[in-house]
Amino acid sequence: PDKALSRVRLQEIGFIMQSSNLVPYLNVLDQLLLVKKM
């Protein structure tokens, strides 16, 4: 189901996209910590 797939995407698959898609107002370390917070 969709909820379980969301968990799989967040915890078991790492995505690297064409553009970095960084959050403009977060510094480099916080870009990573945001993923951990999610």
PDB file of all heavy atoms in Angstrom:
ATOM      1  N   PRO A   1       0.831  -1.208   0.000  1.00  0.00           N
ATOM      2  CA  PRO A   1       0.000   0.000   0.000  1.00  0.00           C
ATOM      3  C   PRO A   1       0.865   1.257   0.000  1.00  0.00           C
ATOM      4  O   PRO A   1       2.066   1.213   0.330  1.00  0.00           O
ATOM      5  CB  PRO A   1      -0.807  -0.126   1.302  1.00  0.00           C
ATOM      6  CG  PRO A   1      -0.034  -1.066   2.155  1.00  0.00           C
ATOM      7  CD  PRO A   1       0.669  -2.007   1.231  1.00  0.00           C
ATOM      8  N   ASP A   2       0.263   2.384  -0.350  1.00  0.00           N
ATOM      9  CA  ASP A   2       1.015   3.624  -0.535  1.00  0.00           C
ATOM     10  C   ASP A   2       1.785   4.049   0.715  1.00  0.00           C
ATOM     11  O   ASP A   2       2.919   4.535   0.609  1.00  0.00           O
ATOM     12  CB  ASP A   2       0.072   4.759  -0.961  1.00  0.00           C
ATOM     13  CG  ASP A   2      -0.452   4.555  -2.376  1.00  0.00           C
ATOM     14  OD1 ASP A   2       0.155   3.754  -3.118  1.00  0.00           O
ATOM     15  OD2 ASP A   2      -1.463   5.185  -2.736  1.00  0.00           O
ATOM     16  N   LYS A   3       1.187   3.890   1.890  1.00  0.00           N
ATOM     17  CA  LYS A   3       1.865   4.299   3.126  1.00  0.00           C
ATOM     18  C   LYS A   3       3.144   3.489   3.339  1.00  0.00           C
ATOM     19  O   LYS A   3       4.188   4.032   3.721  1.00  0.00           O
ATOM     20  CB  LYS A   3       0.923   4.140   4.319  1.00  0.00           C
ATOM     21  CG  LYS A   3       1.498   4.690   5.614  1.00  0.00           C
ATOM     22  CD  LYS A   3       0.464   4.641   6.738  1.00  0.00           C
ATOM     23  CE  LYS A   3       1.036   5.220   8.028  1.00  0.00           C
ATOM     24  NZ  LYS A   3       0.036   5.183   9.139  1.00  0.00           N
ATOM     25  N   ALA A   4       3.069   2.193   3.084  1.00  0.00           N
ATOM     26  CA  ALA A   4       4.243   1.341   3.238  1.00  0.00           C
ATOM     27  C   ALA A   4       5.304   1.687   2.194  1.00  0.00           C
ATOM     28  O   ALA A   4       6.512   1.655   2.479  1.00  0.00           O
ATOM     29  CB  ALA A   4       3.849  -0.130   3.129  1.00  0.00           C
ATOM     30  N   LEU A   5       4.875   2.014   0.973  1.00  0.00           N
ATOM     31  CA  LEU A   5       5.828   2.398  -0.079  1.00  0.00           C
ATOM     32  C   LEU A   5       6.540   3.698   0.278  1.00  0.00           C
ATOM     33  O   LEU A   5       7.727   3.872  -0.021  1.00  0.00           O
ATOM     34  CB  LEU A   5       5.111   2.543  -1.418  1.00  0.00           C
ATOM     35  CG  LEU A   5       4.746   1.238  -2.116  1.00  0.00           C
ATOM     36  CD1 LEU A   5       3.952   1.534  -3.391  1.00  0.00           C
ATOM     37  CD2 LEU A   5       5.978   0.406  -2.440  1.00  0.00           C
ATOM     38  N   SER A   6       5.843   4.625   0.931  1.00  0.00           N
ATOM     39  CA  SER A   6       6.485   5.866   1.376  1.00  0.00           C
ATOM     40  C   SER A   6       7.602   5.567   2.357  1.00  0.00           C
ATOM     41  O   SER A   6       8.687   6.171   2.288  1.00  0.00           O
ATOM     42  CB  SER A   6       5.454   6.795   2.029  1.00  0.00           C
ATOM     43  OG  SER A   6       4.511   7.241   1.082  1.00  0.00           O
ATOM     44  N   ARG A   7       7.359   4.630   3.264  1.00  0.00           N
ATOM     45  CA  ARG A   7       8.399   4.247   4.218  1.00  0.00           C
ATOM     46  C   ARG A   7       9.585   3.604   3.510  1.00  0.00           C
ATOM     47  O   ARG A   7      10.746   3.891   3.831  1.00  0.00           O
ATOM     48  CB  ARG A   7       7.813   3.273   5.257  1.00  0.00           C
ATOM     49  CG  ARG A   7       8.819   2.870   6.336  1.00  0.00           C
ATOM     50  CD  ARG A   7       8.328   1.663   7.114  1.00  0.00           C
ATOM     51  NE  ARG A   7       8.175   0.495   6.263  1.00  0.00           N
ATOM     52  CZ  ARG A   7       9.169  -0.260   5.845  1.00  0.00           C
ATOM     53  NH1 ARG A   7      10.422   0.016   6.179  1.00  0.00           N
ATOM     54  NH2 ARG A   7       8.929  -1.310   5.072  1.00  0.00           N
ATOM     55  N   VAL A   8       9.305   2.744   2.528  1.00  0.00           N
ATOM     56  CA  VAL A   8      10.376   2.102   1.762  1.00  0.00           C
ATOM     57  C   VAL A   8      11.228   3.154   1.057  1.00  0.00           C
ATOM     58  O   VAL A   8      12.467   3.103   1.096  1.00  0.00           O
ATOM     59  CB  VAL A   8       9.785   1.110   0.730  1.00  0.00           C
ATOM     60  CG1 VAL A   8      10.847   0.680  -0.282  1.00  0.00           C
ATOM     61  CG2 VAL A   8       9.213  -0.111   1.439  1.00  0.00           C
ATOM     62  N   ARG A   9      10.581   4.125   0.412  1.00  0.00           N
ATOM     63  CA  ARG A   9      11.328   5.174  -0.302  1.00  0.00           C
ATOM     64  C   ARG A   9      12.205   5.986   0.639  1.00  0.00           C
ATOM     65  O   ARG A   9      13.332   6.332   0.302  1.00  0.00           O
ATOM     66  CB  ARG A   9      10.363   6.094  -1.043  1.00  0.00           C
ATOM     67  CG  ARG A   9       9.690   5.453  -2.238  1.00  0.00           C
ATOM     68  CD  ARG A   9       8.995   6.492  -3.092  1.00  0.00           C
ATOM     69  NE  ARG A   9       7.912   7.168  -2.392  1.00  0.00           N
ATOM     70  CZ  ARG A   9       6.642   6.767  -2.400  1.00  0.00           C
ATOM     71  NH1 ARG A   9       6.304   5.666  -3.079  1.00  0.00           N
ATOM     72  NH2 ARG A   9       5.714   7.440  -1.761  1.00  0.00           N
ATOM     73  N   LEU A  10      11.688   6.285   1.812  1.00  0.00           N
ATOM     74  CA  LEU A  10      12.427   7.126   2.757  1.00  0.00           C
ATOM     75  C   LEU A  10      13.577   6.382   3.412  1.00  0.00           C
ATOM     76  O   LEU A  10      14.672   6.918   3.555  1.00  0.00           O
ATOM     77  CB  LEU A  10      11.469   7.661   3.827  1.00  0.00           C
ATOM     78  CG  LEU A  10      12.092   8.556   4.902  1.00  0.00           C
ATOM     79  CD1 LEU A  10      12.706   9.806   4.284  1.00  0.00           C
ATOM     80  CD2 LEU A  10      11.040   8.933   5.943  1.00  0.00           C
ATOM     81  N   GLN A  11      13.343   5.135   3.799  1.00  0.00           N
ATOM     82  CA  GLN A  11      14.312   4.431   4.631  1.00  0.00           C
ATOM     83  C   GLN A  11      15.205   3.456   3.866  1.00  0.00           C
ATOM     84  O   GLN A  11      16.299   3.136   4.336  1.00  0.00           O
ATOM     85  CB  GLN A  11      13.578   3.680   5.745  1.00  0.00           C
ATOM     86  CG  GLN A  11      12.825   4.601   6.685  1.00  0.00           C
ATOM     87  CD  GLN A  11      12.128   3.858   7.805  1.00  0.00           C
ATOM     88  OE1 GLN A  11      12.172   2.622   7.882  1.00  0.00           O
ATOM     89  NE2 GLN A  11      11.476   4.594   8.694  1.00  0.00           N
ATOM     90  N   GLU A  12      14.762   2.975   2.715  1.00  0.00           N
ATOM     91  CA  GLU A  12      15.506   1.898   2.065  1.00  0.00           C
ATOM     92  C   GLU A  12      16.031   2.243   0.674  1.00  0.00           C
ATOM     93  O   GLU A  12      16.773   1.455   0.080  1.00  0.00           O
ATOM     94  CB  GLU A  12      14.613   0.649   1.977  1.00  0.00           C
ATOM     95  CG  GLU A  12      14.161   0.152   3.345  1.00  0.00           C
ATOM     96  CD  GLU A  12      13.437  -1.183   3.278  1.00  0.00           C
ATOM     97  OE1 GLU A  12      13.974  -2.104   2.651  1.00  0.00           O
ATOM     98  OE2 GLU A  12      12.340  -1.288   3.850  1.00  0.00           O
ATOM     99  N   ILE A  13      15.661   3.410   0.144  1.00  0.00           N
ATOM    100  CA  ILE A  13      16.121   3.811  -1.191  1.00  0.00           C
ATOM    101  C   ILE A  13      16.647   5.240  -1.126  1.00  0.00           C
ATOM    102  O   ILE A  13      15.983   6.132  -0.598  1.00  0.00           O
ATOM    103  CB  ILE A  13      14.980   3.733  -2.226  1.00  0.00           C
ATOM    104  CG1 ILE A  13      14.406   2.313  -2.290  1.00  0.00           C
ATOM    105  CG2 ILE A  13      15.484   4.146  -3.615  1.00  0.00           C
ATOM    106  CD1 ILE A  13      13.171   2.182  -3.158  1.00  0.00           C
ATOM    107  N   GLY A  14      17.843   5.443  -1.660  1.00  0.00           N
ATOM    108  CA  GLY A  14      18.412   6.783  -1.742  1.00  0.00           C
ATOM    109  C   GLY A  14      18.363   7.265  -3.181  1.00  0.00           C
ATOM    110  O   GLY A  14      18.798   6.553  -4.092  1.00  0.00           O
ATOM    111  N   PHE A  15      17.828   8.466  -3.398  1.00  0.00           N
ATOM    112  CA  PHE A  15      17.675   9.019  -4.733  1.00  0.00           C
ATOM    113  C   PHE A  15      18.679  10.150  -4.965  1.00  0.00           C
ATOM    114  O   PHE A  15      18.836  11.041  -4.125  1.00  0.00           O
ATOM    115  CB  PHE A  15      16.258   9.567  -4.934  1.00  0.00           C
ATOM    116  CG  PHE A  15      15.173   8.534  -4.884  1.00  0.00           C
ATOM    117  CD1 PHE A  15      14.537   8.217  -3.689  1.00  0.00           C
ATOM    118  CD2 PHE A  15      14.783   7.865  -6.036  1.00  0.00           C
ATOM    119  CE1 PHE A  15      13.534   7.269  -3.646  1.00  0.00           C
ATOM    120  CE2 PHE A  15      13.783   6.905  -6.007  1.00  0.00           C
ATOM    121  CZ  PHE A  15      13.153   6.605  -4.807  1.00  0.00           C
ATOM    122  N   ILE A  16      19.329  10.121  -6.139  1.00  0.00           N
ATOM    123  CA  ILE A  16      20.178  11.228  -6.589  1.00  0.00           C
ATOM    124  C   ILE A  16      19.610  11.688  -7.926  1.00  0.00           C
ATOM    125  O   ILE A  16      19.579  10.921  -8.886  1.00  0.00           O
ATOM    126  CB  ILE A  16      21.645  10.799  -6.767  1.00  0.00           C
ATOM    127  CG1 ILE A  16      22.185  10.153  -5.484  1.00  0.00           C
ATOM    128  CG2 ILE A  16      22.518  12.001  -7.167  1.00  0.00           C
ATOM    129  CD1 ILE A  16      23.517   9.458  -5.665  1.00  0.00           C
ATOM    130  N   MET A  17      19.142  12.926  -7.980  1.00  0.00           N
ATOM    131  CA  MET A  17      18.403  13.397  -9.143  1.00  0.00           C
ATOM    132  C   MET A  17      19.277  14.217 -10.091  1.00  0.00           C
ATOM    133  O   MET A  17      20.440  14.498  -9.806  1.00  0.00           O
ATOM    134  CB  MET A  17      17.195  14.224  -8.690  1.00  0.00           C
ATOM    135  CG  MET A  17      16.363  13.553  -7.606  1.00  0.00           C
ATOM    136  SD  MET A  17      15.853  11.857  -8.009  1.00  0.00           S
ATOM    137  CE  MET A  17      14.607  12.184  -9.254  1.00  0.00           C
ATOM    138  N   GLN A  18      18.691  14.633 -11.232  1.00  0.00           N
ATOM    139  CA  GLN A  18      19.424  15.403 -12.248  1.00  0.00           C
ATOM    140  C   GLN A  18      19.981  16.680 -11.669  1.00  0.00           C
ATOM    141  O   GLN A  18      21.142  17.026 -11.893  1.00  0.00           O
ATOM    142  CB  GLN A  18      18.511  15.731 -13.422  1.00  0.00           C
ATOM    143  CG  GLN A  18      18.089  14.517 -14.232  1.00  0.00           C
ATOM    144  CD  GLN A  18      17.266  14.907 -15.445  1.00  0.00           C
ATOM    145  OE1 GLN A  18      17.429  16.001 -15.982  1.00  0.00           O
ATOM    146  NE2 GLN A  18      16.390  14.034 -15.883  1.00  0.00           N
ATOM    147  N   SER A  19      19.149  17.429 -10.971  1.00  0.00           N
ATOM    148  CA  SER A  19      19.628  18.591 -10.236  1.00  0.00           C
ATOM    149  C   SER A  19      19.629  18.206  -8.767  1.00  0.00           C
ATOM    150  O   SER A  19      18.895  17.309  -8.343  1.00  0.00           O
ATOM    151  CB  SER A  19      18.724  19.807 -10.474  1.00  0.00           C
ATOM    152  OG  SER A  19      17.402  19.524 -10.079  1.00  0.00           O
ATOM    153  N   SER A  20      20.465  18.854  -7.992  1.00  0.00           N
ATOM    154  CA  SER A  20      20.665  18.428  -6.606  1.00  0.00           C
ATOM    155  C   SER A  20      19.403  18.562  -5.761  1.00  0.00           C
ATOM    156  O   SER A  20      19.242  17.859  -4.764  1.00  0.00           O
ATOM    157  CB  SER A  20      21.796  19.244  -5.979  1.00  0.00           C
ATOM    158  OG  SER A  20      21.514  20.635  -6.082  1.00  0.00           O
ATOM    159  N   ASN A  21      18.487  19.472  -6.151  1.00  0.00           N
ATOM    160  CA  ASN A  21      17.235  19.666  -5.409  1.00  0.00           C
ATOM    161  C   ASN A  21      17.474  19.944  -3.931  1.00  0.00           C
ATOM    162  O   ASN A  21      16.747  19.440  -3.067  1.00  0.00           O
ATOM    163  CB  ASN A  21      16.311  18.453  -5.557  1.00  0.00           C
ATOM    164  CG  ASN A  21      15.774  18.304  -6.967  1.00  0.00           C
ATOM    165  OD1 ASN A  21      15.561  19.296  -7.652  1.00  0.00           O
ATOM    166  ND2 ASN A  21      15.582  17.076  -7.408  1.00  0.00           N
ATOM    167  N   LEU A  22      18.492  20.743  -3.646  1.00  0.00           N
ATOM    168  CA  LEU A  22      18.760  21.106  -2.256  1.00  0.00           C
ATOM    169  C   LEU A  22      17.760  22.165  -1.789  1.00  0.00           C
ATOM    170  O   LEU A  22      17.278  22.980  -2.574  1.00  0.00           O
ATOM    171  CB  LEU A  22      20.189  21.643  -2.108  1.00  0.00           C
ATOM    172  CG  LEU A  22      21.312  20.690  -2.532  1.00  0.00           C
ATOM    173  CD1 LEU A  22      22.664  21.347  -2.325  1.00  0.00           C
ATOM    174  CD2 LEU A  22      21.231  19.372  -1.764  1.00  0.00           C
ATOM    175  N   VAL A  23      17.481  22.144  -0.493  1.00  0.00           N
ATOM    176  CA  VAL A  23      16.585  23.152   0.096  1.00  0.00           C
ATOM    177  C   VAL A  23      17.378  24.444   0.251  1.00  0.00           C
ATOM    178  O   VAL A  23      18.397  24.460   0.951  1.00  0.00           O
ATOM    179  CB  VAL A  23      16.052  22.668   1.461  1.00  0.00           C
ATOM    180  CG1 VAL A  23      15.116  23.709   2.064  1.00  0.00           C
ATOM    181  CG2 VAL A  23      15.348  21.327   1.313  1.00  0.00           C
ATOM    182  N   PRO A  24      16.975  25.536  -0.391  1.00  0.00           N
ATOM    183  CA  PRO A  24      17.817  26.738  -0.451  1.00  0.00           C
ATOM    184  C   PRO A  24      18.138  27.370   0.896  1.00  0.00           C
ATOM    185  O   PRO A  24      19.190  28.002   1.043  1.00  0.00           O
ATOM    186  CB  PRO A  24      17.018  27.703  -1.338  1.00  0.00           C
ATOM    187  CG  PRO A  24      15.630  27.167  -1.376  1.00  0.00           C
ATOM    188  CD  PRO A  24      15.736  25.698  -1.169  1.00  0.00           C
ATOM    189  N   TYR A  25      17.275  27.199   1.897  1.00  0.00           N
ATOM    190  CA  TYR A  25      17.493  27.878   3.182  1.00  0.00           C
ATOM    191  C   TYR A  25      18.148  26.969   4.227  1.00  0.00           C
ATOM    192  O   TYR A  25      18.250  27.343   5.394  1.00  0.00           O
ATOM    193  CB  TYR A  25      16.177  28.445   3.733  1.00  0.00           C
ATOM    194  CG  TYR A  25      15.059  27.433   3.836  1.00  0.00           C
ATOM    195  CD1 TYR A  25      14.947  26.579   4.937  1.00  0.00           C
ATOM    196  CD2 TYR A  25      14.103  27.320   2.830  1.00  0.00           C
ATOM    197  CE1 TYR A  25      13.930  25.649   5.025  1.00  0.00           C
ATOM    198  CE2 TYR A  25      13.076  26.392   2.913  1.00  0.00           C
ATOM    199  CZ  TYR A  25      12.999  25.562   4.006  1.00  0.00           C
ATOM    200  OH  TYR A  25      11.989  24.632   4.089  1.00  0.00           O
ATOM    201  N   LEU A  26      18.596  25.777   3.829  1.00  0.00           N
ATOM    202  CA  LEU A  26      19.288  24.884   4.746  1.00  0.00           C
ATOM    203  C   LEU A  26      20.763  24.778   4.372  1.00  0.00           C
ATOM    204  O   LEU A  26      21.105  24.684   3.187  1.00  0.00           O
ATOM    205  CB  LEU A  26      18.675  23.485   4.715  1.00  0.00           C
ATOM    206  CG  LEU A  26      17.252  23.326   5.256  1.00  0.00           C
ATOM    207  CD1 LEU A  26      16.817  21.874   5.158  1.00  0.00           C
ATOM    208  CD2 LEU A  26      17.143  23.818   6.694  1.00  0.00           C
ATOM    209  N   ASN A  27      21.640  24.782   5.388  1.00  0.00           N
ATOM    210  CA  ASN A  27      23.051  24.572   5.085  1.00  0.00           C
ATOM    211  C   ASN A  27      23.299  23.100   4.766  1.00  0.00           C
ATOM    212  O   ASN A  27      22.399  22.256   4.862  1.00  0.00           O
ATOM    213  CB  ASN A  27      23.949  25.092   6.219  1.00  0.00           C
ATOM    214  CG  ASN A  27      23.793  24.319   7.526  1.00  0.00           C
ATOM    215  OD1 ASN A  27      23.589  23.100   7.530  1.00  0.00           O
ATOM    216  ND2 ASN A  27      23.896  25.013   8.645  1.00  0.00           N
ATOM    217  N   VAL A  28      24.532  22.795   4.377  1.00  0.00           N
ATOM    218  CA  VAL A  28      24.861  21.456   3.876  1.00  0.00           C
ATOM    219  C   VAL A  28      24.564  20.374   4.913  1.00  0.00           C
ATOM    220  O   VAL A  28      23.936  19.345   4.598  1.00  0.00           O
ATOM    221  CB  VAL A  28      26.344  21.406   3.435  1.00  0.00           C
ATOM    222  CG1 VAL A  28      26.803  19.964   3.222  1.00  0.00           C
ATOM    223  CG2 VAL A  28      26.548  22.217   2.154  1.00  0.00           C
ATOM    224  N   LEU A  29      24.978  20.584   6.154  1.00  0.00           N
ATOM    225  CA  LEU A  29      24.725  19.575   7.188  1.00  0.00           C
ATOM    226  C   LEU A  29      23.234  19.400   7.434  1.00  0.00           C
ATOM    227  O   LEU A  29      22.727  18.273   7.557  1.00  0.00           O
ATOM    228  CB  LEU A  29      25.437  19.963   8.485  1.00  0.00           C
ATOM    229  CG  LEU A  29      25.236  19.010   9.669  1.00  0.00           C
ATOM    230  CD1 LEU A  29      25.690  17.598   9.325  1.00  0.00           C
ATOM    231  CD2 LEU A  29      25.974  19.525  10.899  1.00  0.00           C
ATOM    232  N   ASP A  30      22.504  20.512   7.465  1.00  0.00           N
ATOM    233  CA  ASP A  30      21.070  20.425   7.731  1.00  0.00           C
ATOM    234  C   ASP A  30      20.295  19.772   6.590  1.00  0.00           C
ATOM    235  O   ASP A  30      19.202  19.235   6.805  1.00  0.00           O
ATOM    236  CB  ASP A  30      20.503  21.819   8.023  1.00  0.00           C
ATOM    237  CG  ASP A  30      20.884  22.317   9.414  1.00  0.00           C
ATOM    238  OD1 ASP A  30      21.257  21.483  10.261  1.00  0.00           O
ATOM    239  OD2 ASP A  30      20.830  23.546   9.651  1.00  0.00           O
ATOM    240  N   GLN A  31      20.849  19.805   5.369  1.00  0.00           N
ATOM    241  CA  GLN A  31      20.212  19.077   4.266  1.00  0.00           C
ATOM    242  C   GLN A  31      20.113  17.595   4.613  1.00  0.00           C
ATOM    243  O   GLN A  31      19.095  16.939   4.344  1.00  0.00           O
ATOM    244  CB  GLN A  31      21.027  19.224   2.966  1.00  0.00           C
ATOM    245  CG  GLN A  31      21.294  20.623   2.493  1.00  0.00           C
ATOM    246  CD  GLN A  31      20.119  21.269   1.778  1.00  0.00           C
ATOM    247  OE1 GLN A  31      19.194  20.595   1.322  1.00  0.00           O
ATOM    248  NE2 GLN A  31      20.146  22.583   1.673  1.00  0.00           N
ATOM    249  N   LEU A  32      21.184  17.066   5.221  1.00  0.00           N
ATOM    250  CA  LEU A  32      21.207  15.654   5.593  1.00  0.00           C
ATOM    251  C   LEU A  32      20.352  15.383   6.830  1.00  0.00           C
ATOM    252  O   LEU A  32      19.620  14.389   6.883  1.00  0.00           O
ATOM    253  CB  LEU A  32      22.646  15.190   5.853  1.00  0.00           C
ATOM    254  CG  LEU A  32      23.480  14.768   4.637  1.00  0.00           C
ATOM    255  CD1 LEU A  32      23.681  15.931   3.672  1.00  0.00           C
ATOM    256  CD2 LEU A  32      24.825  14.220   5.066  1.00  0.00           C
ATOM    257  N   LEU A  33      20.426  16.286   7.803  1.00  0.00           N
ATOM    258  CA  LEU A  33      19.681  16.071   9.043  1.00  0.00           C
ATOM    259  C   LEU A  33      18.178  16.170   8.814  1.00  0.00           C
ATOM    260  O   LEU A  33      17.396  15.541   9.541  1.00  0.00           O
ATOM    261  CB  LEU A  33      20.140  17.072  10.109  1.00  0.00           C
ATOM    262  CG  LEU A  33      21.601  16.928  10.547  1.00  0.00           C
ATOM    263  CD1 LEU A  33      21.926  17.935  11.645  1.00  0.00           C
ATOM    264  CD2 LEU A  33      21.919  15.509  10.999  1.00  0.00           C
ATOM    265  N   LEU A  34      17.768  16.922   7.791  1.00  0.00           N
ATOM    266  CA  LEU A  34      16.348  16.982   7.460  1.00  0.00           C
ATOM    267  C   LEU A  34      15.816  15.599   7.098  1.00  0.00           C
ATOM    268  O   LEU A  34      14.700  15.220   7.494  1.00  0.00           O
ATOM    269  CB  LEU A  34      16.118  17.952   6.295  1.00  0.00           C
ATOM    270  CG  LEU A  34      14.669  18.051   5.779  1.00  0.00           C
ATOM    271  CD1 LEU A  34      13.738  18.586   6.869  1.00  0.00           C
ATOM    272  CD2 LEU A  34      14.608  18.931   4.536  1.00  0.00           C
ATOM    273  N   VAL A  35      16.605  14.834   6.350  1.00  0.00           N
ATOM    274  CA  VAL A  35      16.201  13.474   5.979  1.00  0.00           C
ATOM    275  C   VAL A  35      16.053  12.611   7.238  1.00  0.00           C
ATOM    276  O   VAL A  35      15.102  11.828   7.370  1.00  0.00           O
ATOM    277  CB  VAL A  35      17.222  12.846   5.007  1.00  0.00           C
ATOM    278  CG1 VAL A  35      16.856  11.408   4.690  1.00  0.00           C
ATOM    279  CG2 VAL A  35      17.302  13.669   3.735  1.00  0.00           C
ATOM    280  N   LYS A  36      16.990  12.770   8.175  1.00  0.00           N
ATOM    281  CA  LYS A  36      16.897  12.013   9.426  1.00  0.00           C
ATOM    282  C   LYS A  36      15.660  12.420  10.224  1.00  0.00           C
ATOM    283  O   LYS A  36      14.982  11.575  10.807  1.00  0.00           O
ATOM    284  CB  LYS A  36      18.157  12.225  10.276  1.00  0.00           C
ATOM    285  CG  LYS A  36      19.445  11.735   9.641  1.00  0.00           C
ATOM    286  CD  LYS A  36      19.404  10.273   9.278  1.00  0.00           C
ATOM    287  CE  LYS A  36      19.163   9.354  10.441  1.00  0.00           C
ATOM    288  NZ  LYS A  36      19.223   7.916  10.053  1.00  0.00           N
ATOM    289  N   LYS A  37      15.336  13.719  10.227  1.00  0.00           N
ATOM    290  CA  LYS A  37      14.146  14.186  10.951  1.00  0.00           C
ATOM    291  C   LYS A  37      12.877  13.596  10.354  1.00  0.00           C
ATOM    292  O   LYS A  37      11.924  13.266  11.079  1.00  0.00           O
ATOM    293  CB  LYS A  37      14.080  15.718  10.910  1.00  0.00           C
ATOM    294  CG  LYS A  37      15.096  16.406  11.803  1.00  0.00           C
ATOM    295  CD  LYS A  37      15.046  17.922  11.619  1.00  0.00           C
ATOM    296  CE  LYS A  37      16.158  18.586  12.421  1.00  0.00           C
ATOM    297  NZ  LYS A  37      16.221  20.039  12.162  1.00  0.00           N
ATOM    298  N   MET A  38      12.855  13.451   9.035  1.00  0.00           N
ATOM    299  CA  MET A  38      11.677  12.868   8.384  1.00  0.00           C
ATOM    300  C   MET A  38      11.492  11.407   8.779  1.00  0.00           C
ATOM    301  O   MET A  38      10.384  10.872   8.727  1.00  0.00           O
ATOM    302  CB  MET A  38      11.822  12.988   6.861  1.00  0.00           C
ATOM    303  CG  MET A  38      11.745  14.409   6.352  1.00  0.00           C
ATOM    304  SD  MET A  38      12.231  14.562   4.628  1.00  0.00           S
ATOM    305  CE  MET A  38      10.919  13.649   3.816  1.00  0.00           C
TER     306      MET A  38
END
